[in-house]
């Protein structure tokens, strides 16, 4: 399994709106097309954390392929009033917001 963690800023009071936006998106076939197996959203003191698990070893190729899908474009637009890049000066793509894992442990 491959995991990504996107870090951004969330507008105060937006968590429910963001959850609704992703709920509608995840009710489509898009997560399956992207290889998404699990999505979890967290908020902490104005920060937004988007944990996503993918089948296989690299979910990046699926995300790249999905970026041109109108549903992916729409969710990106729908999230703009609620989610802002952690560092807008350096953000060019979701890859610029992904945390780098430096330790992993599993019971398996």
PDB file of N, CA and C in Angstrom:
ATOM      1  N   UNK A   1       0.838  -1.171   0.000  1.00  0.00           N
ATOM      2  CA  UNK A   1       0.000   0.000   0.000  1.00  0.00           C
ATOM      3  C   UNK A   1       0.889   1.244   0.000  1.00  0.00           C
ATOM      4  N   UNK A   2       0.435   2.263  -0.676  1.00  0.00           N
ATOM      5  CA  UNK A   2       1.140   3.542  -0.788  1.00  0.00           C
ATOM      6  C   UNK A   2       0.286   4.608  -0.108  1.00  0.00           C
ATOM      7  N   UNK A   3       0.886   5.454   0.708  1.00  0.00           N
ATOM      8  CA  UNK A   3       0.155   6.505   1.412  1.00  0.00           C
ATOM      9  C   UNK A   3       0.729   7.865   1.084  1.00  0.00           C
ATOM     10  N   UNK A   4      -0.150   8.867   1.041  1.00  0.00           N
ATOM     11  CA  UNK A   4       0.286  10.252   0.923  1.00  0.00           C
ATOM     12  C   UNK A   4      -0.374  11.050   2.029  1.00  0.00           C
ATOM     13  N   UNK A   5       0.307  12.103   2.459  1.00  0.00           N
ATOM     14  CA  UNK A   5      -0.242  13.013   3.458  1.00  0.00           C
ATOM     15  C   UNK A   5      -0.045  14.426   2.929  1.00  0.00           C
ATOM     16  N   UNK A   6      -1.154  15.072   2.603  1.00  0.00           N
ATOM     17  CA  UNK A   6      -1.112  16.452   2.133  1.00  0.00           C
ATOM     18  C   UNK A   6      -1.346  17.363   3.330  1.00  0.00           C
ATOM     19  N   UNK A   7      -0.513  18.402   3.441  1.00  0.00           N
ATOM     20  CA  UNK A   7      -0.621  19.381   4.521  1.00  0.00           C
ATOM     21  C   UNK A   7      -0.962  20.726   3.901  1.00  0.00           C
ATOM     22  N   UNK A   8      -1.984  21.366   4.438  1.00  0.00           N
ATOM     23  CA  UNK A   8      -2.407  22.673   3.941  1.00  0.00           C
ATOM     24  C   UNK A   8      -3.012  23.452   5.105  1.00  0.00           C
ATOM     25  N   UNK A   9      -3.614  24.568   4.783  1.00  0.00           N
ATOM     26  CA  UNK A   9      -4.318  25.379   5.782  1.00  0.00           C
ATOM     27  C   UNK A   9      -5.812  25.289   5.508  1.00  0.00           C
ATOM     28  N   UNK A  10      -6.598  25.232   6.587  1.00  0.00           N
ATOM     29  CA  UNK A  10      -8.050  25.141   6.456  1.00  0.00           C
ATOM     30  C   UNK A  10      -8.683  26.374   7.091  1.00  0.00           C
ATOM     31  N   UNK A  11      -9.683  26.928   6.424  1.00  0.00           N
ATOM     32  CA  UNK A  11     -10.405  28.067   6.962  1.00  0.00           C
ATOM     33  C   UNK A  11     -11.175  27.621   8.204  1.00  0.00           C
ATOM     34  N   UNK A  12     -11.170  28.419   9.252  1.00  0.00           N
ATOM     35  CA  UNK A  12     -11.934  28.059  10.461  1.00  0.00           C
ATOM     36  C   UNK A  12     -13.402  27.799  10.116  1.00  0.00           C
ATOM     37  N   UNK A  13     -13.949  26.740  10.675  1.00  0.00           N
ATOM     38  CA  UNK A  13     -15.344  26.388  10.461  1.00  0.00           C
ATOM     39  C   UNK A  13     -15.628  25.679   9.149  1.00  0.00           C
ATOM     40  N   UNK A  14     -14.601  25.327   8.389  1.00  0.00           N
ATOM     41  CA  UNK A  14     -14.791  24.717   7.070  1.00  0.00           C
ATOM     42  C   UNK A  14     -14.757  23.192   7.073  1.00  0.00           C
ATOM     43  N   UNK A  15     -14.440  22.574   8.171  1.00  0.00           N
ATOM     44  CA  UNK A  15     -14.261  21.116   8.180  1.00  0.00           C
ATOM     45  C   UNK A  15     -15.502  20.387   7.673  1.00  0.00           C
ATOM     46  N   UNK A  16     -16.683  20.807   8.098  1.00  0.00           N
ATOM     47  CA  UNK A  16     -17.907  20.128   7.664  1.00  0.00           C
ATOM     48  C   UNK A  16     -18.122  20.300   6.159  1.00  0.00           C
ATOM     49  N   UNK A  17     -17.841  21.483   5.634  1.00  0.00           N
ATOM     50  CA  UNK A  17     -17.980  21.722   4.195  1.00  0.00           C
ATOM     51  C   UNK A  17     -17.012  20.837   3.407  1.00  0.00           C
ATOM     52  N   UNK A  18     -15.778  20.758   3.877  1.00  0.00           N
ATOM     53  CA  UNK A  18     -14.770  19.942   3.200  1.00  0.00           C
ATOM     54  C   UNK A  18     -15.176  18.473   3.241  1.00  0.00           C
ATOM     55  N   UNK A  19     -15.683  18.023   4.381  1.00  0.00           N
ATOM     56  CA  UNK A  19     -16.141  16.630   4.492  1.00  0.00           C
ATOM     57  C   UNK A  19     -17.281  16.361   3.510  1.00  0.00           C
ATOM     58  N   UNK A  20     -18.212  17.308   3.367  1.00  0.00           N
ATOM     59  CA  UNK A  20     -19.317  17.139   2.423  1.00  0.00           C
ATOM     60  C   UNK A  20     -18.818  17.074   0.983  1.00  0.00           C
ATOM     61  N   UNK A  21     -17.853  17.928   0.648  1.00  0.00           N
ATOM     62  CA  UNK A  21     -17.289  17.941  -0.710  1.00  0.00           C
ATOM     63  C   UNK A  21     -16.641  16.596  -1.024  1.00  0.00           C
ATOM     64  N   UNK A  22     -15.841  16.086  -0.073  1.00  0.00           N
ATOM     65  CA  UNK A  22     -15.203  14.792  -0.302  1.00  0.00           C
ATOM     66  C   UNK A  22     -16.204  13.648  -0.260  1.00  0.00           C
ATOM     67  N   UNK A  23     -17.241  13.771   0.564  1.00  0.00           N
ATOM     68  CA  UNK A  23     -18.273  12.733   0.597  1.00  0.00           C
ATOM     69  C   UNK A  23     -18.927  12.560  -0.760  1.00  0.00           C
ATOM     70  N   UNK A  24     -19.241  13.679  -1.420  1.00  0.00           N
ATOM     71  CA  UNK A  24     -19.839  13.619  -2.755  1.00  0.00           C
ATOM     72  C   UNK A  24     -18.845  13.055  -3.771  1.00  0.00           C
ATOM     73  N   UNK A  25     -17.596  13.477  -3.682  1.00  0.00           N
ATOM     74  CA  UNK A  25     -16.552  12.993  -4.603  1.00  0.00           C
ATOM     75  C   UNK A  25     -16.326  11.498  -4.416  1.00  0.00           C
ATOM     76  N   UNK A  26     -16.257  11.057  -3.170  1.00  0.00           N
ATOM     77  CA  UNK A  26     -15.984   9.649  -2.888  1.00  0.00           C
ATOM     78  C   UNK A  26     -17.168   8.740  -3.203  1.00  0.00           C
ATOM     79  N   UNK A  27     -18.355   9.326  -3.390  1.00  0.00           N
ATOM     80  CA  UNK A  27     -19.523   8.541  -3.771  1.00  0.00           C
ATOM     81  C   UNK A  27     -19.520   8.215  -5.270  1.00  0.00           C
ATOM     82  N   UNK A  28     -18.605   8.823  -6.019  1.00  0.00           N
ATOM     83  CA  UNK A  28     -18.465   8.540  -7.447  1.00  0.00           C
ATOM     84  C   UNK A  28     -17.443   7.417  -7.628  1.00  0.00           C
ATOM     85  N   UNK A  29     -17.151   7.089  -8.869  1.00  0.00           N
ATOM     86  CA  UNK A  29     -16.131   6.063  -9.126  1.00  0.00           C
ATOM     87  C   UNK A  29     -14.710   6.629  -9.091  1.00  0.00           C
ATOM     88  N   UNK A  30     -14.562   7.944  -8.864  1.00  0.00           N
ATOM     89  CA  UNK A  30     -13.240   8.556  -8.893  1.00  0.00           C
ATOM     90  C   UNK A  30     -12.233   7.901  -7.939  1.00  0.00           C
ATOM     91  N   UNK A  31     -12.599   7.626  -6.685  1.00  0.00           N
ATOM     92  CA  UNK A  31     -11.596   6.984  -5.819  1.00  0.00           C
ATOM     93  C   UNK A  31     -11.087   5.672  -6.397  1.00  0.00           C
ATOM     94  N   UNK A  32     -11.965   4.921  -7.018  1.00  0.00           N
ATOM     95  CA  UNK A  32     -11.562   3.637  -7.606  1.00  0.00           C
ATOM     96  C   UNK A  32     -10.646   3.853  -8.806  1.00  0.00           C
ATOM     97  N   UNK A  33     -10.962   4.854  -9.619  1.00  0.00           N
ATOM     98  CA  UNK A  33     -10.108   5.165 -10.771  1.00  0.00           C
ATOM     99  C   UNK A  33      -8.723   5.622 -10.330  1.00  0.00           C
ATOM    100  N   UNK A  34      -8.662   6.302  -9.185  1.00  0.00           N
ATOM    101  CA  UNK A  34      -7.390   6.800  -8.663  1.00  0.00           C
ATOM    102  C   UNK A  34      -6.649   5.743  -7.849  1.00  0.00           C
ATOM    103  N   UNK A  35      -7.305   4.623  -7.562  1.00  0.00           N
ATOM    104  CA  UNK A  35      -6.674   3.591  -6.749  1.00  0.00           C
ATOM    105  C   UNK A  35      -6.754   3.870  -5.256  1.00  0.00           C
ATOM    106  N   UNK A  36      -7.585   4.841  -4.860  1.00  0.00           N
ATOM    107  CA  UNK A  36      -7.721   5.202  -3.450  1.00  0.00           C
ATOM    108  C   UNK A  36      -8.435   4.092  -2.699  1.00  0.00           C
ATOM    109  N   UNK A  37      -7.840   3.669  -1.597  1.00  0.00           N
ATOM    110  CA  UNK A  37      -8.442   2.642  -0.747  1.00  0.00           C
ATOM    111  C   UNK A  37      -8.975   3.232   0.556  1.00  0.00           C
ATOM    112  N   UNK A  38      -8.409   4.371   0.979  1.00  0.00           N
ATOM    113  CA  UNK A  38      -8.859   5.000   2.225  1.00  0.00           C
ATOM    114  C   UNK A  38      -8.483   6.467   2.160  1.00  0.00           C
ATOM    115  N   UNK A  39      -9.370   7.302   2.702  1.00  0.00           N
ATOM    116  CA  UNK A  39      -9.104   8.726   2.809  1.00  0.00           C
ATOM    117  C   UNK A  39      -9.503   9.160   4.216  1.00  0.00           C
ATOM    118  N   UNK A  40      -8.647   9.903   4.862  1.00  0.00           N
ATOM    119  CA  UNK A  40      -8.959  10.468   6.162  1.00  0.00           C
ATOM    120  C   UNK A  40      -8.547  11.926   6.157  1.00  0.00           C
ATOM    121  N   UNK A  41      -9.416  12.780   6.696  1.00  0.00           N
ATOM    122  CA  UNK A  41      -9.154  14.208   6.767  1.00  0.00           C
ATOM    123  C   UNK A  41      -9.066  14.623   8.230  1.00  0.00           C
ATOM    124  N   UNK A  42      -8.074  15.457   8.540  1.00  0.00           N
ATOM    125  CA  UNK A  42      -7.859  15.934   9.896  1.00  0.00           C
ATOM    126  C   UNK A  42      -7.661  17.441   9.869  1.00  0.00           C
ATOM    127  N   UNK A  43      -8.057  18.093  10.955  1.00  0.00           N
ATOM    128  CA  UNK A  43      -7.791  19.516  11.123  1.00  0.00           C
ATOM    129  C   UNK A  43      -7.198  19.719  12.514  1.00  0.00           C
ATOM    130  N   UNK A  44      -6.209  20.597  12.596  1.00  0.00           N
ATOM    131  CA  UNK A  44      -5.576  20.903  13.872  1.00  0.00           C
ATOM    132  C   UNK A  44      -5.046  22.333  13.828  1.00  0.00           C
ATOM    133  N   UNK A  45      -5.631  23.203  14.628  1.00  0.00           N
ATOM    134  CA  UNK A  45      -5.172  24.585  14.771  1.00  0.00           C
ATOM    135  C   UNK A  45      -4.922  25.283  13.436  1.00  0.00           C
ATOM    136  N   UNK A  46      -5.893  25.193  12.565  1.00  0.00           N
ATOM    137  CA  UNK A  46      -5.795  25.867  11.277  1.00  0.00           C
ATOM    138  C   UNK A  46      -5.059  25.090  10.202  1.00  0.00           C
ATOM    139  N   UNK A  47      -4.564  23.901  10.545  1.00  0.00           N
ATOM    140  CA  UNK A  47      -3.890  23.063   9.552  1.00  0.00           C
ATOM    141  C   UNK A  47      -4.832  21.952   9.097  1.00  0.00           C
ATOM    142  N   UNK A  48      -4.648  21.526   7.885  1.00  0.00           N
ATOM    143  CA  UNK A  48      -5.451  20.493   7.248  1.00  0.00           C
ATOM    144  C   UNK A  48      -4.515  19.357   6.854  1.00  0.00           C
ATOM    145  N   UNK A  49      -4.912  18.147   7.176  1.00  0.00           N
ATOM    146  CA  UNK A  49      -4.131  16.959   6.848  1.00  0.00           C
ATOM    147  C   UNK A  49      -5.032  15.995   6.081  1.00  0.00           C
ATOM    148  N   UNK A  50      -4.590  15.587   4.920  1.00  0.00           N
ATOM    149  CA  UNK A  50      -5.369  14.711   4.043  1.00  0.00           C
ATOM    150  C   UNK A  50      -4.541  13.449   3.823  1.00  0.00           C
ATOM    151  N   UNK A  51      -4.901  12.394   4.532  1.00  0.00           N
ATOM    152  CA  UNK A  51      -4.214  11.108   4.431  1.00  0.00           C
ATOM    153  C   UNK A  51      -4.967  10.239   3.437  1.00  0.00           C
ATOM    154  N   UNK A  52      -4.235   9.709   2.467  1.00  0.00           N
ATOM    155  CA  UNK A  52      -4.844   8.900   1.425  1.00  0.00           C
ATOM    156  C   UNK A  52      -3.987   7.654   1.204  1.00  0.00           C
ATOM    157  N   UNK A  53      -4.630   6.512   1.242  1.00  0.00           N
ATOM    158  CA  UNK A  53      -3.953   5.243   0.988  1.00  0.00           C
ATOM    159  C   UNK A  53      -4.375   4.725  -0.378  1.00  0.00           C
ATOM    160  N   UNK A  54      -3.402   4.181  -1.109  1.00  0.00           N
ATOM    161  CA  UNK A  54      -3.623   3.670  -2.450  1.00  0.00           C
ATOM    162  C   UNK A  54      -3.233   2.203  -2.510  1.00  0.00           C
ATOM    163  N   UNK A  55      -3.902   1.491  -3.398  1.00  0.00           N
ATOM    164  CA  UNK A  55      -3.506   0.120  -3.687  1.00  0.00           C
ATOM    165  C   UNK A  55      -2.188   0.182  -4.446  1.00  0.00           C
ATOM    166  N   UNK A  56      -1.341  -0.780  -4.235  1.00  0.00           N
ATOM    167  CA  UNK A  56      -0.079  -0.822  -4.965  1.00  0.00           C
ATOM    168  C   UNK A  56       1.007  -0.007  -4.289  1.00  0.00           C
ATOM    169  N   UNK A  57       2.080   0.212  -5.011  1.00  0.00           N
ATOM    170  CA  UNK A  57       3.268   0.835  -4.427  1.00  0.00           C
ATOM    171  C   UNK A  57       3.406   2.307  -4.724  1.00  0.00           C
ATOM    172  N   UNK A  58       2.664   2.825  -5.728  1.00  0.00           N
ATOM    173  CA  UNK A  58       2.800   4.231  -6.073  1.00  0.00           C
ATOM    174  C   UNK A  58       1.468   4.773  -6.569  1.00  0.00           C
ATOM    175  N   UNK A  59       0.824   5.597  -5.746  1.00  0.00           N
ATOM    176  CA  UNK A  59      -0.443   6.201  -6.144  1.00  0.00           C
ATOM    177  C   UNK A  59      -0.265   7.429  -7.007  1.00  0.00           C
ATOM    178  N   UNK A  60       0.944   7.934  -7.109  1.00  0.00           N
ATOM    179  CA  UNK A  60       1.197   9.154  -7.851  1.00  0.00           C
ATOM    180  C   UNK A  60       0.782   9.091  -9.303  1.00  0.00           C
ATOM    181  N   UNK A  61       1.014   7.958  -9.953  1.00  0.00           N
ATOM    182  CA  UNK A  61       0.665   7.843 -11.370  1.00  0.00           C
ATOM    183  C   UNK A  61      -0.841   7.911 -11.575  1.00  0.00           C
ATOM    184  N   UNK A  62      -1.622   7.340 -10.644  1.00  0.00           N
ATOM    185  CA  UNK A  62      -3.076   7.396 -10.751  1.00  0.00           C
ATOM    186  C   UNK A  62      -3.582   8.829 -10.551  1.00  0.00           C
ATOM    187  N   UNK A  63      -2.993   9.529  -9.600  1.00  0.00           N
ATOM    188  CA  UNK A  63      -3.399  10.916  -9.348  1.00  0.00           C
ATOM    189  C   UNK A  63      -3.093  11.768 -10.572  1.00  0.00           C
ATOM    190  N   UNK A  64      -1.920  11.591 -11.148  1.00  0.00           N
ATOM    191  CA  UNK A  64      -1.549  12.359 -12.336  1.00  0.00           C
ATOM    192  C   UNK A  64      -2.561  12.124 -13.452  1.00  0.00           C
ATOM    193  N   UNK A  65      -2.977  10.893 -13.645  1.00  0.00           N
ATOM    194  CA  UNK A  65      -3.939  10.567 -14.697  1.00  0.00           C
ATOM    195  C   UNK A  65      -5.307  11.185 -14.398  1.00  0.00           C
ATOM    196  N   UNK A  66      -5.679  11.261 -13.126  1.00  0.00           N
ATOM    197  CA  UNK A  66      -6.993  11.786 -12.744  1.00  0.00           C
ATOM    198  C   UNK A  66      -7.066  13.309 -12.782  1.00  0.00           C
ATOM    199  N   UNK A  67      -5.942  13.988 -12.757  1.00  0.00           N
ATOM    200  CA  UNK A  67      -5.935  15.456 -12.666  1.00  0.00           C
ATOM    201  C   UNK A  67      -6.663  16.144 -13.808  1.00  0.00           C
ATOM    202  N   UNK A  68      -6.830  15.491 -14.943  1.00  0.00           N
ATOM    203  CA  UNK A  68      -7.522  16.110 -16.067  1.00  0.00           C
ATOM    204  C   UNK A  68      -9.003  15.747 -16.107  1.00  0.00           C
ATOM    205  N   UNK A  69      -9.436  14.864 -15.228  1.00  0.00           N
ATOM    206  CA  UNK A  69     -10.850  14.485 -15.179  1.00  0.00           C
ATOM    207  C   UNK A  69     -11.669  15.674 -14.662  1.00  0.00           C
ATOM    208  N   UNK A  70     -12.803  15.983 -15.289  1.00  0.00           N
ATOM    209  CA  UNK A  70     -13.619  17.120 -14.842  1.00  0.00           C
ATOM    210  C   UNK A  70     -14.042  17.046 -13.376  1.00  0.00           C
ATOM    211  N   UNK A  71     -14.229  15.844 -12.850  1.00  0.00           N
ATOM    212  CA  UNK A  71     -14.607  15.702 -11.431  1.00  0.00           C
ATOM    213  C   UNK A  71     -13.455  16.079 -10.516  1.00  0.00           C
ATOM    214  N   UNK A  72     -12.235  15.757 -10.913  1.00  0.00           N
ATOM    215  CA  UNK A  72     -11.060  16.135 -10.126  1.00  0.00           C
ATOM    216  C   UNK A  72     -10.878  17.652 -10.177  1.00  0.00           C
ATOM    217  N   UNK A  73     -11.058  18.221 -11.347  1.00  0.00           N
ATOM    218  CA  UNK A  73     -10.947  19.674 -11.504  1.00  0.00           C
ATOM    219  C   UNK A  73     -12.016  20.363 -10.666  1.00  0.00           C
ATOM    220  N   UNK A  74     -13.226  19.842 -10.685  1.00  0.00           N
ATOM    221  CA  UNK A  74     -14.332  20.435  -9.923  1.00  0.00           C
ATOM    222  C   UNK A  74     -14.058  20.388  -8.424  1.00  0.00           C
ATOM    223  N   UNK A  75     -13.604  19.248  -7.906  1.00  0.00           N
ATOM    224  CA  UNK A  75     -13.370  19.184  -6.459  1.00  0.00           C
ATOM    225  C   UNK A  75     -12.251  20.137  -6.063  1.00  0.00           C
ATOM    226  N   UNK A  76     -11.257  20.270  -6.904  1.00  0.00           N
ATOM    227  CA  UNK A  76     -10.179  21.221  -6.616  1.00  0.00           C
ATOM    228  C   UNK A  76     -10.733  22.635  -6.516  1.00  0.00           C
ATOM    229  N   UNK A  77     -11.626  23.004  -7.410  1.00  0.00           N
ATOM    230  CA  UNK A  77     -12.257  24.334  -7.382  1.00  0.00           C
ATOM    231  C   UNK A  77     -13.171  24.480  -6.170  1.00  0.00           C
ATOM    232  N   UNK A  78     -13.942  23.436  -5.863  1.00  0.00           N
ATOM    233  CA  UNK A  78     -14.865  23.485  -4.722  1.00  0.00           C
ATOM    234  C   UNK A  78     -14.135  23.637  -3.390  1.00  0.00           C
ATOM    235  N   UNK A  79     -12.908  23.117  -3.317  1.00  0.00           N
ATOM    236  CA  UNK A  79     -12.134  23.187  -2.072  1.00  0.00           C
ATOM    237  C   UNK A  79     -11.445  24.544  -1.873  1.00  0.00           C
ATOM    238  N   UNK A  80     -11.271  25.312  -2.935  1.00  0.00           N
ATOM    239  CA  UNK A  80     -10.502  26.566  -2.844  1.00  0.00           C
ATOM    240  C   UNK A  80     -10.980  27.537  -1.759  1.00  0.00           C
ATOM    241  N   UNK A  81     -12.291  27.705  -1.539  1.00  0.00           N
ATOM    242  CA  UNK A  81     -12.695  28.633  -0.472  1.00  0.00           C
ATOM    243  C   UNK A  81     -12.360  28.132   0.942  1.00  0.00           C
ATOM    244  N   UNK A  82     -12.043  26.842   1.048  1.00  0.00           N
ATOM    245  CA  UNK A  82     -11.852  26.226   2.362  1.00  0.00           C
ATOM    246  C   UNK A  82     -10.411  25.828   2.659  1.00  0.00           C
ATOM    247  N   UNK A  83      -9.659  25.464   1.619  1.00  0.00           N
ATOM    248  CA  UNK A  83      -8.302  24.946   1.784  1.00  0.00           C
ATOM    249  C   UNK A  83      -7.332  25.844   1.026  1.00  0.00           C
ATOM    250  N   UNK A  84      -6.247  26.201   1.694  1.00  0.00           N
ATOM    251  CA  UNK A  84      -5.208  27.021   1.061  1.00  0.00           C
ATOM    252  C   UNK A  84      -3.873  26.304   1.210  1.00  0.00           C
ATOM    253  N   UNK A  85      -3.027  26.461   0.233  1.00  0.00           N
ATOM    254  CA  UNK A  85      -1.699  25.851   0.304  1.00  0.00           C
ATOM    255  C   UNK A  85      -0.988  26.286   1.585  1.00  0.00           C
ATOM    256  N   UNK A  86      -0.235  25.389   2.162  1.00  0.00           N
ATOM    257  CA  UNK A  86       0.539  25.727   3.361  1.00  0.00           C
ATOM    258  C   UNK A  86       1.498  26.870   3.061  1.00  0.00           C
ATOM    259  N   UNK A  87       2.159  26.799   1.922  1.00  0.00           N
ATOM    260  CA  UNK A  87       3.069  27.853   1.480  1.00  0.00           C
ATOM    261  C   UNK A  87       2.701  28.235   0.045  1.00  0.00           C
ATOM    262  N   UNK A  88       1.785  29.192  -0.120  1.00  0.00           N
ATOM    263  CA  UNK A  88       1.329  29.545  -1.470  1.00  0.00           C
ATOM    264  C   UNK A  88       2.449  29.988  -2.409  1.00  0.00           C
ATOM    265  N   UNK A  89       3.531  30.506  -1.876  1.00  0.00           N
ATOM    266  CA  UNK A  89       4.630  30.989  -2.714  1.00  0.00           C
ATOM    267  C   UNK A  89       5.356  29.854  -3.431  1.00  0.00           C
ATOM    268  N   UNK A  90       5.315  28.645  -2.870  1.00  0.00           N
ATOM    269  CA  UNK A  90       6.046  27.528  -3.476  1.00  0.00           C
ATOM    270  C   UNK A  90       5.134  26.457  -4.056  1.00  0.00           C
ATOM    271  N   UNK A  91       3.814  26.585  -3.881  1.00  0.00           N
ATOM    272  CA  UNK A  91       2.889  25.548  -4.329  1.00  0.00           C
ATOM    273  C   UNK A  91       2.660  25.632  -5.826  1.00  0.00           C
ATOM    274  N   UNK A  92       2.881  24.500  -6.512  1.00  0.00           N
ATOM    275  CA  UNK A  92       2.609  24.392  -7.944  1.00  0.00           C
ATOM    276  C   UNK A  92       1.669  23.222  -8.241  1.00  0.00           C
ATOM    277  N   UNK A  93       1.711  22.191  -7.404  1.00  0.00           N
ATOM    278  CA  UNK A  93       0.867  21.015  -7.589  1.00  0.00           C
ATOM    279  C   UNK A  93       0.704  20.329  -6.237  1.00  0.00           C
ATOM    280  N   UNK A  94      -0.216  19.350  -6.121  1.00  0.00           N
ATOM    281  CA  UNK A  94      -0.377  18.647  -4.848  1.00  0.00           C
ATOM    282  C   UNK A  94       0.929  18.048  -4.312  1.00  0.00           C
ATOM    283  N   UNK A  95       1.850  17.711  -5.193  1.00  0.00           N
ATOM    284  CA  UNK A  95       3.127  17.151  -4.745  1.00  0.00           C
ATOM    285  C   UNK A  95       3.892  18.128  -3.854  1.00  0.00           C
ATOM    286  N   UNK A  96       3.674  19.428  -4.042  1.00  0.00           N
ATOM    287  CA  UNK A  96       4.354  20.435  -3.229  1.00  0.00           C
ATOM    288  C   UNK A  96       3.779  20.539  -1.821  1.00  0.00           C
ATOM    289  N   UNK A  97       2.649  19.870  -1.586  1.00  0.00           N
ATOM    290  CA  UNK A  97       2.009  19.910  -0.275  1.00  0.00           C
ATOM    291  C   UNK A  97       2.127  18.580   0.465  1.00  0.00           C
ATOM    292  N   UNK A  98       2.821  17.610  -0.138  1.00  0.00           N
ATOM    293  CA  UNK A  98       2.908  16.284   0.474  1.00  0.00           C
ATOM    294  C   UNK A  98       4.043  16.213   1.487  1.00  0.00           C
ATOM    295  N   UNK A  99       3.669  15.737   2.663  1.00  0.00           N
ATOM    296  CA  UNK A  99       4.666  15.533   3.708  1.00  0.00           C
ATOM    297  C   UNK A  99       5.577  14.373   3.305  1.00  0.00           C
ATOM    298  N   UNK A 100       6.810  14.440   3.750  1.00  0.00           N
ATOM    299  CA  UNK A 100       7.779  13.377   3.468  1.00  0.00           C
ATOM    300  C   UNK A 100       7.835  12.428   4.662  1.00  0.00           C
ATOM    301  N   UNK A 101       7.506  11.174   4.415  1.00  0.00           N
ATOM    302  CA  UNK A 101       7.563  10.192   5.504  1.00  0.00           C
ATOM    303  C   UNK A 101       9.021   9.894   5.813  1.00  0.00           C
ATOM    304  N   UNK A 102       9.365   9.920   7.094  1.00  0.00           N
ATOM    305  CA  UNK A 102      10.732   9.617   7.490  1.00  0.00           C
ATOM    306  C   UNK A 102      10.834   8.441   8.445  1.00  0.00           C
ATOM    307  N   UNK A 103       9.676   7.822   8.776  1.00  0.00           N
ATOM    308  CA  UNK A 103       9.685   6.623   9.604  1.00  0.00           C
ATOM    309  C   UNK A 103       8.401   5.872   9.350  1.00  0.00           C
ATOM    310  N   UNK A 104       8.492   4.544   9.350  1.00  0.00           N
ATOM    311  CA  UNK A 104       7.312   3.700   9.172  1.00  0.00           C
ATOM    312  C   UNK A 104       7.488   2.429   9.993  1.00  0.00           C
ATOM    313  N   UNK A 105       6.422   2.008  10.634  1.00  0.00           N
ATOM    314  CA  UNK A 105       6.397   0.745  11.339  1.00  0.00           C
ATOM    315  C   UNK A 105       5.050   0.098  11.057  1.00  0.00           C
ATOM    316  N   UNK A 106       5.025  -1.209  10.926  1.00  0.00           N
ATOM    317  CA  UNK A 106       3.789  -1.931  10.704  1.00  0.00           C
ATOM    318  C   UNK A 106       3.833  -3.251  11.471  1.00  0.00           C
ATOM    319  N   UNK A 107       2.699  -3.649  11.974  1.00  0.00           N
ATOM    320  CA  UNK A 107       2.615  -4.919  12.694  1.00  0.00           C
ATOM    321  C   UNK A 107       2.659  -6.096  11.745  1.00  0.00           C
ATOM    322  N   UNK A 108       2.477  -5.856  10.472  1.00  0.00           N
ATOM    323  CA  UNK A 108       2.447  -6.946   9.494  1.00  0.00           C
ATOM    324  C   UNK A 108       3.827  -7.410   9.135  1.00  0.00           C
TER     325      UNK A 108
END
